[in-house]
Amino acid sequence: MKIIGNIIWLIFGGLETAIEYFVSSIGMMITIIGIPFGIASLRIGLYVLWPFGQKVIDRPNHHGCLDSIMNIIWFFIGGVWIWLTHLLFGTLLCITIIGIPFGKKQFHLAGLALTPFGKQVVPA
């Protein structure tokens, strides 16, 4: 069932959102300062490609203040634009009854798009 859900996910907004993460990752990795942000964007982009069967948890070795500072910088660099993309796709998917589970996943990813540092993707 997870495979079917992931394939439907790719068709209805998952692929476009993952491409947005990958493009932003490449853009951030061009500079040396942006490499940590590019890695975070790449990690989330891989999760967005195949989200069903995985979950996001708080990282056990949380770095506290450093993660908070990185999340604030991330918000201004690109987090807000990706967040808006997730909200748009989530709203469009929730219009239909069949798209509600996928819309809920987009809304979950919208929260992750705002604060990716301090999170870890693990198998469900």
PDB file of N, CA and C in Angstrom:
ATOM      1  N   MET A   1       0.812  -1.188   0.000  1.00  0.00           N
ATOM      2  CA  MET A   1       0.000   0.000   0.000  1.00  0.00           C
ATOM      3  C   MET A   1       0.864   1.264   0.000  1.00  0.00           C
ATOM      4  N   LYS A   2       2.034   1.171   0.676  1.00  0.00           N
ATOM      5  CA  LYS A   2       2.931   2.326   0.718  1.00  0.00           C
ATOM      6  C   LYS A   2       3.451   2.675  -0.673  1.00  0.00           C
ATOM      7  N   ILE A   3       3.712   1.662  -1.477  1.00  0.00           N
ATOM      8  CA  ILE A   3       4.244   1.902  -2.822  1.00  0.00           C
ATOM      9  C   ILE A   3       3.200   2.617  -3.678  1.00  0.00           C
ATOM     10  N   ILE A   4       1.951   2.176  -3.595  1.00  0.00           N
ATOM     11  CA  ILE A   4       0.886   2.829  -4.364  1.00  0.00           C
ATOM     12  C   ILE A   4       0.706   4.266  -3.894  1.00  0.00           C
ATOM     13  N   GLY A   5       0.724   4.480  -2.572  1.00  0.00           N
ATOM     14  CA  GLY A   5       0.602   5.831  -2.032  1.00  0.00           C
ATOM     15  C   GLY A   5       1.734   6.739  -2.491  1.00  0.00           C
ATOM     16  N   ASN A   6       2.948   6.199  -2.537  1.00  0.00           N
ATOM     17  CA  ASN A   6       4.092   6.994  -2.981  1.00  0.00           C
ATOM     18  C   ASN A   6       4.026   7.322  -4.469  1.00  0.00           C
ATOM     19  N   ILE A   7       3.537   6.399  -5.272  1.00  0.00           N
ATOM     20  CA  ILE A   7       3.410   6.667  -6.708  1.00  0.00           C
ATOM     21  C   ILE A   7       2.349   7.738  -6.957  1.00  0.00           C
ATOM     22  N   ILE A   8       1.220   7.628  -6.270  1.00  0.00           N
ATOM     23  CA  ILE A   8       0.185   8.661  -6.400  1.00  0.00           C
ATOM     24  C   ILE A   8       0.720  10.000  -5.897  1.00  0.00           C
ATOM     25  N   TRP A   9       1.488   9.953  -4.822  1.00  0.00           N
ATOM     26  CA  TRP A   9       2.100  11.157  -4.262  1.00  0.00           C
ATOM     27  C   TRP A   9       2.981  11.865  -5.288  1.00  0.00           C
ATOM     28  N   LEU A  10       3.780  11.105  -6.015  1.00  0.00           N
ATOM     29  CA  LEU A  10       4.668  11.704  -7.019  1.00  0.00           C
ATOM     30  C   LEU A  10       3.880  12.399  -8.122  1.00  0.00           C
ATOM     31  N   ILE A  11       2.748  11.826  -8.488  1.00  0.00           N
ATOM     32  CA  ILE A  11       1.934  12.405  -9.563  1.00  0.00           C
ATOM     33  C   ILE A  11       1.263  13.696  -9.111  1.00  0.00           C
ATOM     34  N   PHE A  12       0.782  13.725  -7.875  1.00  0.00           N
ATOM     35  CA  PHE A  12      -0.015  14.862  -7.412  1.00  0.00           C
ATOM     36  C   PHE A  12       0.767  15.803  -6.493  1.00  0.00           C
ATOM     37  N   GLY A  13       1.906  16.271  -6.948  1.00  0.00           N
ATOM     38  CA  GLY A  13       2.603  17.331  -6.237  1.00  0.00           C
ATOM     39  C   GLY A  13       3.905  16.938  -5.573  1.00  0.00           C
ATOM     40  N   GLY A  14       4.137  15.672  -5.357  1.00  0.00           N
ATOM     41  CA  GLY A  14       5.362  15.253  -4.682  1.00  0.00           C
ATOM     42  C   GLY A  14       6.612  15.500  -5.510  1.00  0.00           C
ATOM     43  N   LEU A  15       6.532  15.215  -6.797  1.00  0.00           N
ATOM     44  CA  LEU A  15       7.691  15.393  -7.664  1.00  0.00           C
ATOM     45  C   LEU A  15       8.050  16.871  -7.805  1.00  0.00           C
ATOM     46  N   GLU A  16       7.041  17.718  -7.967  1.00  0.00           N
ATOM     47  CA  GLU A  16       7.305  19.152  -8.102  1.00  0.00           C
ATOM     48  C   GLU A  16       7.934  19.724  -6.839  1.00  0.00           C
ATOM     49  N   THR A  17       7.444  19.300  -5.684  1.00  0.00           N
ATOM     50  CA  THR A  17       7.980  19.781  -4.429  1.00  0.00           C
ATOM     51  C   THR A  17       9.409  19.281  -4.222  1.00  0.00           C
ATOM     52  N   ALA A  18       9.673  18.026  -4.568  1.00  0.00           N
ATOM     53  CA  ALA A  18      11.032  17.483  -4.428  1.00  0.00           C
ATOM     54  C   ALA A  18      11.999  18.213  -5.350  1.00  0.00           C
ATOM     55  N   ILE A  19      11.572  18.526  -6.567  1.00  0.00           N
ATOM     56  CA  ILE A  19      12.431  19.278  -7.487  1.00  0.00           C
ATOM     57  C   ILE A  19      12.745  20.646  -6.900  1.00  0.00           C
ATOM     58  N   GLU A  20      11.768  21.266  -6.257  1.00  0.00           N
ATOM     59  CA  GLU A  20      12.009  22.567  -5.619  1.00  0.00           C
ATOM     60  C   GLU A  20      13.077  22.441  -4.527  1.00  0.00           C
ATOM     61  N   TYR A  21      13.018  21.385  -3.738  1.00  0.00           N
ATOM     62  CA  TYR A  21      14.040  21.152  -2.712  1.00  0.00           C
ATOM     63  C   TYR A  21      15.418  20.928  -3.340  1.00  0.00           C
ATOM     64  N   PHE A  22      15.480  20.135  -4.424  1.00  0.00           N
ATOM     65  CA  PHE A  22      16.759  19.846  -5.047  1.00  0.00           C
ATOM     66  C   PHE A  22      17.380  21.081  -5.688  1.00  0.00           C
ATOM     67  N   VAL A  23      16.561  21.907  -6.336  1.00  0.00           N
ATOM     68  CA  VAL A  23      17.066  23.143  -6.944  1.00  0.00           C
ATOM     69  C   VAL A  23      17.579  24.089  -5.862  1.00  0.00           C
ATOM     70  N   SER A  24      16.835  24.218  -4.771  1.00  0.00           N
ATOM     71  CA  SER A  24      17.304  25.089  -3.695  1.00  0.00           C
ATOM     72  C   SER A  24      18.562  24.526  -3.047  1.00  0.00           C
ATOM     73  N   SER A  25      18.683  23.213  -2.985  1.00  0.00           N
ATOM     74  CA  SER A  25      19.886  22.588  -2.436  1.00  0.00           C
ATOM     75  C   SER A  25      21.114  22.910  -3.275  1.00  0.00           C
ATOM     76  N   ILE A  26      20.972  22.801  -4.585  1.00  0.00           N
ATOM     77  CA  ILE A  26      22.093  23.126  -5.472  1.00  0.00           C
ATOM     78  C   ILE A  26      22.450  24.598  -5.361  1.00  0.00           C
ATOM     79  N   GLY A  27      21.434  25.453  -5.300  1.00  0.00           N
ATOM     80  CA  GLY A  27      21.695  26.884  -5.169  1.00  0.00           C
ATOM     81  C   GLY A  27      22.421  27.234  -3.883  1.00  0.00           C
ATOM     82  N   MET A  28      22.083  26.563  -2.801  1.00  0.00           N
ATOM     83  CA  MET A  28      22.742  26.851  -1.528  1.00  0.00           C
ATOM     84  C   MET A  28      24.130  26.247  -1.447  1.00  0.00           C
ATOM     85  N   MET A  29      24.348  25.112  -2.098  1.00  0.00           N
ATOM     86  CA  MET A  29      25.661  24.465  -2.028  1.00  0.00           C
ATOM     87  C   MET A  29      26.710  25.150  -2.894  1.00  0.00           C
ATOM     88  N   ILE A  30      26.307  26.098  -3.723  1.00  0.00           N
ATOM     89  CA  ILE A  30      27.280  26.825  -4.533  1.00  0.00           C
ATOM     90  C   ILE A  30      28.242  27.610  -3.646  1.00  0.00           C
ATOM     91  N   THR A  31      27.716  28.147  -2.549  1.00  0.00           N
ATOM     92  CA  THR A  31      28.576  28.882  -1.624  1.00  0.00           C
ATOM     93  C   THR A  31      29.022  27.960  -0.499  1.00  0.00           C
ATOM     94  N   ILE A  32      30.140  28.249   0.080  1.00  0.00           N
ATOM     95  CA  ILE A  32      30.642  27.437   1.192  1.00  0.00           C
ATOM     96  C   ILE A  32      29.755  27.628   2.423  1.00  0.00           C
ATOM     97  N   ILE A  33      29.288  28.834   2.638  1.00  0.00           N
ATOM     98  CA  ILE A  33      28.460  29.120   3.803  1.00  0.00           C
ATOM     99  C   ILE A  33      27.131  28.377   3.724  1.00  0.00           C
ATOM    100  N   GLY A  34      26.621  28.155   2.535  1.00  0.00           N
ATOM    101  CA  GLY A  34      25.315  27.536   2.368  1.00  0.00           C
ATOM    102  C   GLY A  34      25.304  26.026   2.358  1.00  0.00           C
ATOM    103  N   ILE A  35      26.453  25.375   2.484  1.00  0.00           N
ATOM    104  CA  ILE A  35      26.503  23.910   2.408  1.00  0.00           C
ATOM    105  C   ILE A  35      25.628  23.228   3.469  1.00  0.00           C
ATOM    106  N   PRO A  36      25.646  23.644   4.751  1.00  0.00           N
ATOM    107  CA  PRO A  36      24.755  22.969   5.712  1.00  0.00           C
ATOM    108  C   PRO A  36      23.274  23.101   5.346  1.00  0.00           C
ATOM    109  N   PHE A  37      22.906  24.244   4.780  1.00  0.00           N
ATOM    110  CA  PHE A  37      21.516  24.441   4.368  1.00  0.00           C
ATOM    111  C   PHE A  37      21.191  23.594   3.135  1.00  0.00           C
ATOM    112  N   GLY A  38      22.146  23.450   2.238  1.00  0.00           N
ATOM    113  CA  GLY A  38      21.956  22.606   1.063  1.00  0.00           C
ATOM    114  C   GLY A  38      21.800  21.145   1.428  1.00  0.00           C
ATOM    115  N   ILE A  39      22.568  20.699   2.405  1.00  0.00           N
ATOM    116  CA  ILE A  39      22.457  19.309   2.863  1.00  0.00           C
ATOM    117  C   ILE A  39      21.089  19.069   3.500  1.00  0.00           C
ATOM    118  N   ALA A  40      20.633  20.013   4.311  1.00  0.00           N
ATOM    119  CA  ALA A  40      19.309  19.875   4.929  1.00  0.00           C
ATOM    120  C   ALA A  40      18.217  19.848   3.861  1.00  0.00           C
ATOM    121  N   SER A  41      18.350  20.707   2.861  1.00  0.00           N
ATOM    122  CA  SER A  41      17.365  20.741   1.779  1.00  0.00           C
ATOM    123  C   SER A  41      17.385  19.442   0.979  1.00  0.00           C
ATOM    124  N   LEU A  42      18.554  18.908   0.728  1.00  0.00           N
ATOM    125  CA  LEU A  42      18.677  17.642   0.013  1.00  0.00           C
ATOM    126  C   LEU A  42      18.061  16.495   0.806  1.00  0.00           C
ATOM    127  N   ARG A  43      18.303  16.478   2.109  1.00  0.00           N
ATOM    128  CA  ARG A  43      17.754  15.429   2.979  1.00  0.00           C
ATOM    129  C   ARG A  43      16.224  15.454   2.971  1.00  0.00           C
ATOM    130  N   ILE A  44      15.650  16.643   3.059  1.00  0.00           N
ATOM    131  CA  ILE A  44      14.190  16.758   3.036  1.00  0.00           C
ATOM    132  C   ILE A  44      13.652  16.430   1.648  1.00  0.00           C
ATOM    133  N   GLY A  45      14.380  16.822   0.604  1.00  0.00           N
ATOM    134  CA  GLY A  45      13.959  16.518  -0.761  1.00  0.00           C
ATOM    135  C   GLY A  45      13.866  15.023  -1.003  1.00  0.00           C
ATOM    136  N   LEU A  46      14.804  14.259  -0.467  1.00  0.00           N
ATOM    137  CA  LEU A  46      14.747  12.802  -0.606  1.00  0.00           C
ATOM    138  C   LEU A  46      13.554  12.231   0.159  1.00  0.00           C
ATOM    139  N   TYR A  47      13.255  12.818   1.315  1.00  0.00           N
ATOM    140  CA  TYR A  47      12.085  12.389   2.078  1.00  0.00           C
ATOM    141  C   TYR A  47      10.793  12.714   1.327  1.00  0.00           C
ATOM    142  N   VAL A  48      10.750  13.880   0.685  1.00  0.00           N
ATOM    143  CA  VAL A  48       9.554  14.304  -0.042  1.00  0.00           C
ATOM    144  C   VAL A  48       9.306  13.410  -1.256  1.00  0.00           C
ATOM    145  N   LEU A  49      10.357  12.853  -1.848  1.00  0.00           N
ATOM    146  CA  LEU A  49      10.175  11.958  -2.999  1.00  0.00           C
ATOM    147  C   LEU A  49       9.417  10.686  -2.623  1.00  0.00           C
ATOM    148  N   TRP A  50       9.647  10.148  -1.441  1.00  0.00           N
ATOM    149  CA  TRP A  50       9.074   8.863  -1.044  1.00  0.00           C
ATOM    150  C   TRP A  50       8.665   8.932   0.429  1.00  0.00           C
ATOM    151  N   PRO A  51       7.625   9.721   0.786  1.00  0.00           N
ATOM    152  CA  PRO A  51       7.344   9.983   2.200  1.00  0.00           C
ATOM    153  C   PRO A  51       6.600   8.882   2.953  1.00  0.00           C
ATOM    154  N   PHE A  52       5.792   8.102   2.250  1.00  0.00           N
ATOM    155  CA  PHE A  52       5.016   7.085   2.949  1.00  0.00           C
ATOM    156  C   PHE A  52       5.920   5.913   3.287  1.00  0.00           C
ATOM    157  N   GLY A  53       5.900   5.488   4.538  1.00  0.00           N
ATOM    158  CA  GLY A  53       6.793   4.443   5.013  1.00  0.00           C
ATOM    159  C   GLY A  53       7.981   5.019   5.771  1.00  0.00           C
ATOM    160  N   GLN A  54       8.016   6.347   5.915  1.00  0.00           N
ATOM    161  CA  GLN A  54       9.054   7.013   6.685  1.00  0.00           C
ATOM    162  C   GLN A  54       8.391   8.014   7.615  1.00  0.00           C
ATOM    163  N   LYS A  55       9.106   8.430   8.634  1.00  0.00           N
ATOM    164  CA  LYS A  55       8.590   9.474   9.515  1.00  0.00           C
ATOM    165  C   LYS A  55       9.742  10.362   9.966  1.00  0.00           C
ATOM    166  N   VAL A  56       9.385  11.535  10.421  1.00  0.00           N
ATOM    167  CA  VAL A  56      10.357  12.516  10.884  1.00  0.00           C
ATOM    168  C   VAL A  56      10.267  12.594  12.400  1.00  0.00           C
ATOM    169  N   ILE A  57      11.419  12.488  13.047  1.00  0.00           N
ATOM    170  CA  ILE A  57      11.473  12.587  14.505  1.00  0.00           C
ATOM    171  C   ILE A  57      12.496  13.652  14.883  1.00  0.00           C
ATOM    172  N   ASP A  58      12.424  14.093  16.141  1.00  0.00           N
ATOM    173  CA  ASP A  58      13.459  14.990  16.641  1.00  0.00           C
ATOM    174  C   ASP A  58      14.748  14.204  16.811  1.00  0.00           C
ATOM    175  N   ARG A  59      15.853  14.811  16.393  1.00  0.00           N
ATOM    176  CA  ARG A  59      17.150  14.156  16.481  1.00  0.00           C
ATOM    177  C   ARG A  59      17.515  13.985  17.951  1.00  0.00           C
ATOM    178  N   PRO A  60      17.987  12.796  18.354  1.00  0.00           N
ATOM    179  CA  PRO A  60      18.297  12.564  19.769  1.00  0.00           C
ATOM    180  C   PRO A  60      19.447  13.435  20.287  1.00  0.00           C
ATOM    181  N   ASN A  61      20.453  13.695  19.466  1.00  0.00           N
ATOM    182  CA  ASN A  61      21.574  14.536  19.898  1.00  0.00           C
ATOM    183  C   ASN A  61      21.337  15.972  19.437  1.00  0.00           C
ATOM    184  N   HIS A  62      20.256  16.553  19.941  1.00  0.00           N
ATOM    185  CA  HIS A  62      19.827  17.895  19.555  1.00  0.00           C
ATOM    186  C   HIS A  62      20.873  18.921  19.977  1.00  0.00           C
ATOM    187  N   HIS A  63      21.251  19.809  19.047  1.00  0.00           N
ATOM    188  CA  HIS A  63      22.295  20.790  19.314  1.00  0.00           C
ATOM    189  C   HIS A  63      21.745  22.110  19.846  1.00  0.00           C
ATOM    190  N   GLY A  64      20.481  22.148  20.192  1.00  0.00           N
ATOM    191  CA  GLY A  64      19.872  23.287  20.857  1.00  0.00           C
ATOM    192  C   GLY A  64      20.004  24.611  20.141  1.00  0.00           C
ATOM    193  N   CYS A  65      20.872  25.461  20.642  1.00  0.00           N
ATOM    194  CA  CYS A  65      21.003  26.827  20.153  1.00  0.00           C
ATOM    195  C   CYS A  65      21.450  26.868  18.690  1.00  0.00           C
ATOM    196  N   LEU A  66      22.378  26.006  18.308  1.00  0.00           N
ATOM    197  CA  LEU A  66      22.865  25.995  16.926  1.00  0.00           C
ATOM    198  C   LEU A  66      21.747  25.637  15.956  1.00  0.00           C
ATOM    199  N   ASP A  67      20.946  24.631  16.293  1.00  0.00           N
ATOM    200  CA  ASP A  67      19.816  24.262  15.433  1.00  0.00           C
ATOM    201  C   ASP A  67      18.804  25.397  15.341  1.00  0.00           C
ATOM    202  N   SER A  68      18.581  26.094  16.439  1.00  0.00           N
ATOM    203  CA  SER A  68      17.633  27.217  16.425  1.00  0.00           C
ATOM    204  C   SER A  68      18.123  28.342  15.524  1.00  0.00           C
ATOM    205  N   ILE A  69      19.404  28.666  15.608  1.00  0.00           N
ATOM    206  CA  ILE A  69      19.975  29.713  14.751  1.00  0.00           C
ATOM    207  C   ILE A  69      19.903  29.301  13.288  1.00  0.00           C
ATOM    208  N   MET A  70      20.230  28.039  12.993  1.00  0.00           N
ATOM    209  CA  MET A  70      20.178  27.546  11.617  1.00  0.00           C
ATOM    210  C   MET A  70      18.739  27.573  11.090  1.00  0.00           C
ATOM    211  N   ASN A  71      17.754  27.240  11.937  1.00  0.00           N
ATOM    212  CA  ASN A  71      16.352  27.287  11.501  1.00  0.00           C
ATOM    213  C   ASN A  71      15.906  28.715  11.204  1.00  0.00           C
ATOM    214  N   ILE A  72      16.378  29.684  11.980  1.00  0.00           N
ATOM    215  CA  ILE A  72      16.022  31.085  11.724  1.00  0.00           C
ATOM    216  C   ILE A  72      16.609  31.539  10.397  1.00  0.00           C
ATOM    217  N   ILE A  73      17.864  31.219  10.149  1.00  0.00           N
ATOM    218  CA  ILE A  73      18.494  31.585   8.875  1.00  0.00           C
ATOM    219  C   ILE A  73      17.790  30.875   7.725  1.00  0.00           C
ATOM    220  N   TRP A  74      17.475  29.581   7.906  1.00  0.00           N
ATOM    221  CA  TRP A  74      16.793  28.792   6.878  1.00  0.00           C
ATOM    222  C   TRP A  74      15.453  29.422   6.507  1.00  0.00           C
ATOM    223  N   PHE A  75      14.729  29.922   7.499  1.00  0.00           N
ATOM    224  CA  PHE A  75      13.421  30.527   7.252  1.00  0.00           C
ATOM    225  C   PHE A  75      13.526  31.651   6.227  1.00  0.00           C
ATOM    226  N   PHE A  76      14.554  32.479   6.343  1.00  0.00           N
ATOM    227  CA  PHE A  76      14.698  33.617   5.442  1.00  0.00           C
ATOM    228  C   PHE A  76      15.331  33.238   4.104  1.00  0.00           C
ATOM    229  N   ILE A  77      16.149  32.206   4.076  1.00  0.00           N
ATOM    230  CA  ILE A  77      16.818  31.810   2.830  1.00  0.00           C
ATOM    231  C   ILE A  77      15.848  31.149   1.856  1.00  0.00           C
ATOM    232  N   GLY A  78      15.029  30.256   2.327  1.00  0.00           N
ATOM    233  CA  GLY A  78      14.147  29.563   1.388  1.00  0.00           C
ATOM    234  C   GLY A  78      13.014  28.812   2.033  1.00  0.00           C
ATOM    235  N   GLY A  79      13.027  28.725   3.348  1.00  0.00           N
ATOM    236  CA  GLY A  79      12.001  27.952   4.035  1.00  0.00           C
ATOM    237  C   GLY A  79      10.594  28.471   3.824  1.00  0.00           C
ATOM    238  N   VAL A  80      10.449  29.779   3.774  1.00  0.00           N
ATOM    239  CA  VAL A  80       9.116  30.351   3.626  1.00  0.00           C
ATOM    240  C   VAL A  80       8.539  30.062   2.235  1.00  0.00           C
ATOM    241  N   TRP A  81       9.382  30.043   1.205  1.00  0.00           N
ATOM    242  CA  TRP A  81       8.888  29.768  -0.158  1.00  0.00           C
ATOM    243  C   TRP A  81       8.478  28.313  -0.306  1.00  0.00           C
ATOM    244  N   ILE A  82       9.257  27.418   0.251  1.00  0.00           N
ATOM    245  CA  ILE A  82       8.903  25.999   0.182  1.00  0.00           C
ATOM    246  C   ILE A  82       7.665  25.740   1.042  1.00  0.00           C
ATOM    247  N   TRP A  83       7.558  26.428   2.156  1.00  0.00           N
ATOM    248  CA  TRP A  83       6.387  26.324   3.020  1.00  0.00           C
ATOM    249  C   TRP A  83       5.123  26.719   2.259  1.00  0.00           C
ATOM    250  N   LEU A  84       5.218  27.817   1.505  1.00  0.00           N
ATOM    251  CA  LEU A  84       4.067  28.257   0.711  1.00  0.00           C
ATOM    252  C   LEU A  84       3.689  27.235  -0.357  1.00  0.00           C
ATOM    253  N   THR A  85       4.677  26.575  -0.948  1.00  0.00           N
ATOM    254  CA  THR A  85       4.402  25.529  -1.934  1.00  0.00           C
ATOM    255  C   THR A  85       3.638  24.374  -1.294  1.00  0.00           C
ATOM    256  N   HIS A  86       4.081  23.966  -0.105  1.00  0.00           N
ATOM    257  CA  HIS A  86       3.376  22.887   0.595  1.00  0.00           C
ATOM    258  C   HIS A  86       1.948  23.295   0.934  1.00  0.00           C
ATOM    259  N   LEU A  87       1.750  24.527   1.368  1.00  0.00           N
ATOM    260  CA  LEU A  87       0.393  24.982   1.682  1.00  0.00           C
ATOM    261  C   LEU A  87      -0.488  25.006   0.441  1.00  0.00           C
ATOM    262  N   LEU A  88       0.064  25.441  -0.683  1.00  0.00           N
ATOM    263  CA  LEU A  88      -0.706  25.475  -1.932  1.00  0.00           C
ATOM    264  C   LEU A  88      -1.128  24.072  -2.352  1.00  0.00           C
ATOM    265  N   PHE A  89      -0.171  23.135  -2.414  1.00  0.00           N
ATOM    266  CA  PHE A  89      -0.505  21.771  -2.814  1.00  0.00           C
ATOM    267  C   PHE A  89      -1.431  21.108  -1.796  1.00  0.00           C
ATOM    268  N   GLY A  90      -1.217  21.359  -0.504  1.00  0.00           N
ATOM    269  CA  GLY A  90      -2.088  20.785   0.516  1.00  0.00           C
ATOM    270  C   GLY A  90      -3.520  21.261   0.384  1.00  0.00           C
ATOM    271  N   THR A  91      -3.694  22.552   0.107  1.00  0.00           N
ATOM    272  CA  THR A  91      -5.031  23.103  -0.072  1.00  0.00           C
ATOM    273  C   THR A  91      -5.702  22.526  -1.310  1.00  0.00           C
ATOM    274  N   LEU A  92      -4.955  22.450  -2.415  1.00  0.00           N
ATOM    275  CA  LEU A  92      -5.526  21.892  -3.644  1.00  0.00           C
ATOM    276  C   LEU A  92      -5.906  20.425  -3.474  1.00  0.00           C
ATOM    277  N   LEU A  93      -5.080  19.659  -2.755  1.00  0.00           N
ATOM    278  CA  LEU A  93      -5.369  18.243  -2.576  1.00  0.00           C
ATOM    279  C   LEU A  93      -6.546  18.018  -1.632  1.00  0.00           C
ATOM    280  N   CYS A  94      -6.747  18.896  -0.662  1.00  0.00           N
ATOM    281  CA  CYS A  94      -7.849  18.718   0.289  1.00  0.00           C
ATOM    282  C   CYS A  94      -9.205  19.091  -0.288  1.00  0.00           C
ATOM    283  N   ILE A  95      -9.241  19.621  -1.492  1.00  0.00           N
ATOM    284  CA  ILE A  95     -10.519  19.944  -2.128  1.00  0.00           C
ATOM    285  C   ILE A  95     -11.295  18.666  -2.432  1.00  0.00           C
ATOM    286  N   THR A  96     -10.572  17.604  -2.801  1.00  0.00           N
ATOM    287  CA  THR A  96     -11.235  16.337  -3.102  1.00  0.00           C
ATOM    288  C   THR A  96     -11.114  15.392  -1.912  1.00  0.00           C
ATOM    289  N   ILE A  97     -12.035  14.479  -1.794  1.00  0.00           N
ATOM    290  CA  ILE A  97     -12.014  13.522  -0.687  1.00  0.00           C
ATOM    291  C   ILE A  97     -10.831  12.569  -0.828  1.00  0.00           C
ATOM    292  N   ILE A  98     -10.537  12.153  -2.034  1.00  0.00           N
ATOM    293  CA  ILE A  98      -9.435  11.217  -2.265  1.00  0.00           C
ATOM    294  C   ILE A  98      -8.084  11.856  -1.950  1.00  0.00           C
ATOM    295  N   GLY A  99      -7.970  13.157  -2.156  1.00  0.00           N
ATOM    296  CA  GLY A  99      -6.693  13.833  -1.950  1.00  0.00           C
ATOM    297  C   GLY A  99      -6.414  14.254  -0.524  1.00  0.00           C
ATOM    298  N   ILE A 100      -7.360  14.045   0.400  1.00  0.00           N
ATOM    299  CA  ILE A 100      -7.177  14.508   1.778  1.00  0.00           C
ATOM    300  C   ILE A 100      -5.953  13.890   2.463  1.00  0.00           C
ATOM    301  N   PRO A 101      -5.671  12.575   2.356  1.00  0.00           N
ATOM    302  CA  PRO A 101      -4.461  12.044   2.998  1.00  0.00           C
ATOM    303  C   PRO A 101      -3.181  12.679   2.447  1.00  0.00           C
ATOM    304  N   PHE A 102      -3.167  12.968   1.159  1.00  0.00           N
ATOM    305  CA  PHE A 102      -1.997  13.593   0.551  1.00  0.00           C
ATOM    306  C   PHE A 102      -1.892  15.062   0.956  1.00  0.00           C
ATOM    307  N   GLY A 103      -3.038  15.715   1.100  1.00  0.00           N
ATOM    308  CA  GLY A 103      -3.041  17.090   1.587  1.00  0.00           C
ATOM    309  C   GLY A 103      -2.542  17.178   3.016  1.00  0.00           C
ATOM    310  N   LYS A 104      -2.941  16.213   3.855  1.00  0.00           N
ATOM    311  CA  LYS A 104      -2.456  16.192   5.231  1.00  0.00           C
ATOM    312  C   LYS A 104      -0.945  15.999   5.268  1.00  0.00           C
ATOM    313  N   LYS A 105      -0.429  15.187   4.366  1.00  0.00           N
ATOM    314  CA  LYS A 105       1.022  14.974   4.306  1.00  0.00           C
ATOM    315  C   LYS A 105       1.727  16.260   3.882  1.00  0.00           C
ATOM    316  N   GLN A 106       1.128  17.001   2.934  1.00  0.00           N
ATOM    317  CA  GLN A 106       1.707  18.282   2.519  1.00  0.00           C
ATOM    318  C   GLN A 106       1.733  19.264   3.687  1.00  0.00           C
ATOM    319  N   PHE A 107       0.669  19.298   4.487  1.00  0.00           N
ATOM    320  CA  PHE A 107       0.645  20.190   5.641  1.00  0.00           C
ATOM    321  C   PHE A 107       1.680  19.777   6.682  1.00  0.00           C
ATOM    322  N   HIS A 108       1.888  18.471   6.839  1.00  0.00           N
ATOM    323  CA  HIS A 108       2.942  17.987   7.744  1.00  0.00           C
ATOM    324  C   HIS A 108       4.316  18.434   7.239  1.00  0.00           C
ATOM    325  N   LEU A 109       4.516  18.321   5.940  1.00  0.00           N
ATOM    326  CA  LEU A 109       5.788  18.746   5.351  1.00  0.00           C
ATOM    327  C   LEU A 109       5.964  20.259   5.417  1.00  0.00           C
ATOM    328  N   ALA A 110       4.876  21.010   5.447  1.00  0.00           N
ATOM    329  CA  ALA A 110       4.971  22.467   5.575  1.00  0.00           C
ATOM    330  C   ALA A 110       5.620  22.831   6.905  1.00  0.00           C
ATOM    331  N   GLY A 111       5.264  22.133   7.959  1.00  0.00           N
ATOM    332  CA  GLY A 111       5.911  22.368   9.253  1.00  0.00           C
ATOM    333  C   GLY A 111       7.379  22.013   9.230  1.00  0.00           C
ATOM    334  N   LEU A 112       7.713  20.931   8.546  1.00  0.00           N
ATOM    335  CA  LEU A 112       9.110  20.526   8.421  1.00  0.00           C
ATOM    336  C   LEU A 112       9.897  21.501   7.564  1.00  0.00           C
ATOM    337  N   ALA A 113       9.244  22.109   6.583  1.00  0.00           N
ATOM    338  CA  ALA A 113       9.931  23.063   5.709  1.00  0.00           C
ATOM    339  C   ALA A 113      10.356  24.314   6.466  1.00  0.00           C
ATOM    340  N   LEU A 114       9.664  24.643   7.532  1.00  0.00           N
ATOM    341  CA  LEU A 114      10.038  25.829   8.310  1.00  0.00           C
ATOM    342  C   LEU A 114      11.186  25.558   9.264  1.00  0.00           C
ATOM    343  N   THR A 115      11.265  24.361   9.823  1.00  0.00           N
ATOM    344  CA  THR A 115      12.318  24.056  10.803  1.00  0.00           C
ATOM    345  C   THR A 115      12.934  22.682  10.527  1.00  0.00           C
ATOM    346  N   PRO A 116      13.819  22.568   9.530  1.00  0.00           N
ATOM    347  CA  PRO A 116      14.387  21.259   9.213  1.00  0.00           C
ATOM    348  C   PRO A 116      15.550  20.832  10.113  1.00  0.00           C
ATOM    349  N   PHE A 117      16.205  21.770  10.746  1.00  0.00           N
ATOM    350  CA  PHE A 117      17.355  21.422  11.587  1.00  0.00           C
ATOM    351  C   PHE A 117      16.883  20.880  12.917  1.00  0.00           C
ATOM    352  N   GLY A 118      17.534  19.819  13.367  1.00  0.00           N
ATOM    353  CA  GLY A 118      17.130  19.142  14.596  1.00  0.00           C
ATOM    354  C   GLY A 118      16.157  18.014  14.334  1.00  0.00           C
ATOM    355  N   LYS A 119      15.902  17.678  13.086  1.00  0.00           N
ATOM    356  CA  LYS A 119      14.984  16.603  12.695  1.00  0.00           C
ATOM    357  C   LYS A 119      15.755  15.486  12.010  1.00  0.00           C
ATOM    358  N   GLN A 120      15.180  14.300  12.042  1.00  0.00           N
ATOM    359  CA  GLN A 120      15.802  13.126  11.424  1.00  0.00           C
ATOM    360  C   GLN A 120      14.714  12.274  10.776  1.00  0.00           C
ATOM    361  N   VAL A 121      14.986  11.750   9.582  1.00  0.00           N
ATOM    362  CA  VAL A 121      14.043  10.887   8.877  1.00  0.00           C
ATOM    363  C   VAL A 121      14.411   9.433   9.172  1.00  0.00           C
ATOM    364  N   VAL A 122      13.423   8.661   9.641  1.00  0.00           N
ATOM    365  CA  VAL A 122      13.647   7.251   9.972  1.00  0.00           C
ATOM    366  C   VAL A 122      12.538   6.414   9.334  1.00  0.00           C
ATOM    367  N   PRO A 123      12.787   5.132   9.102  1.00  0.00           N
ATOM    368  CA  PRO A 123      11.710   4.263   8.591  1.00  0.00           C
ATOM    369  C   PRO A 123      10.586   4.153   9.608  1.00  0.00           C
ATOM    370  N   ALA A 124       9.353   4.101   9.115  1.00  0.00           N
ATOM    371  CA  ALA A 124       8.179   4.019  10.027  1.00  0.00           C
ATOM    372  C   ALA A 124       7.967   2.618  10.515  1.00  0.00           C
TER     373      ALA A 124
END
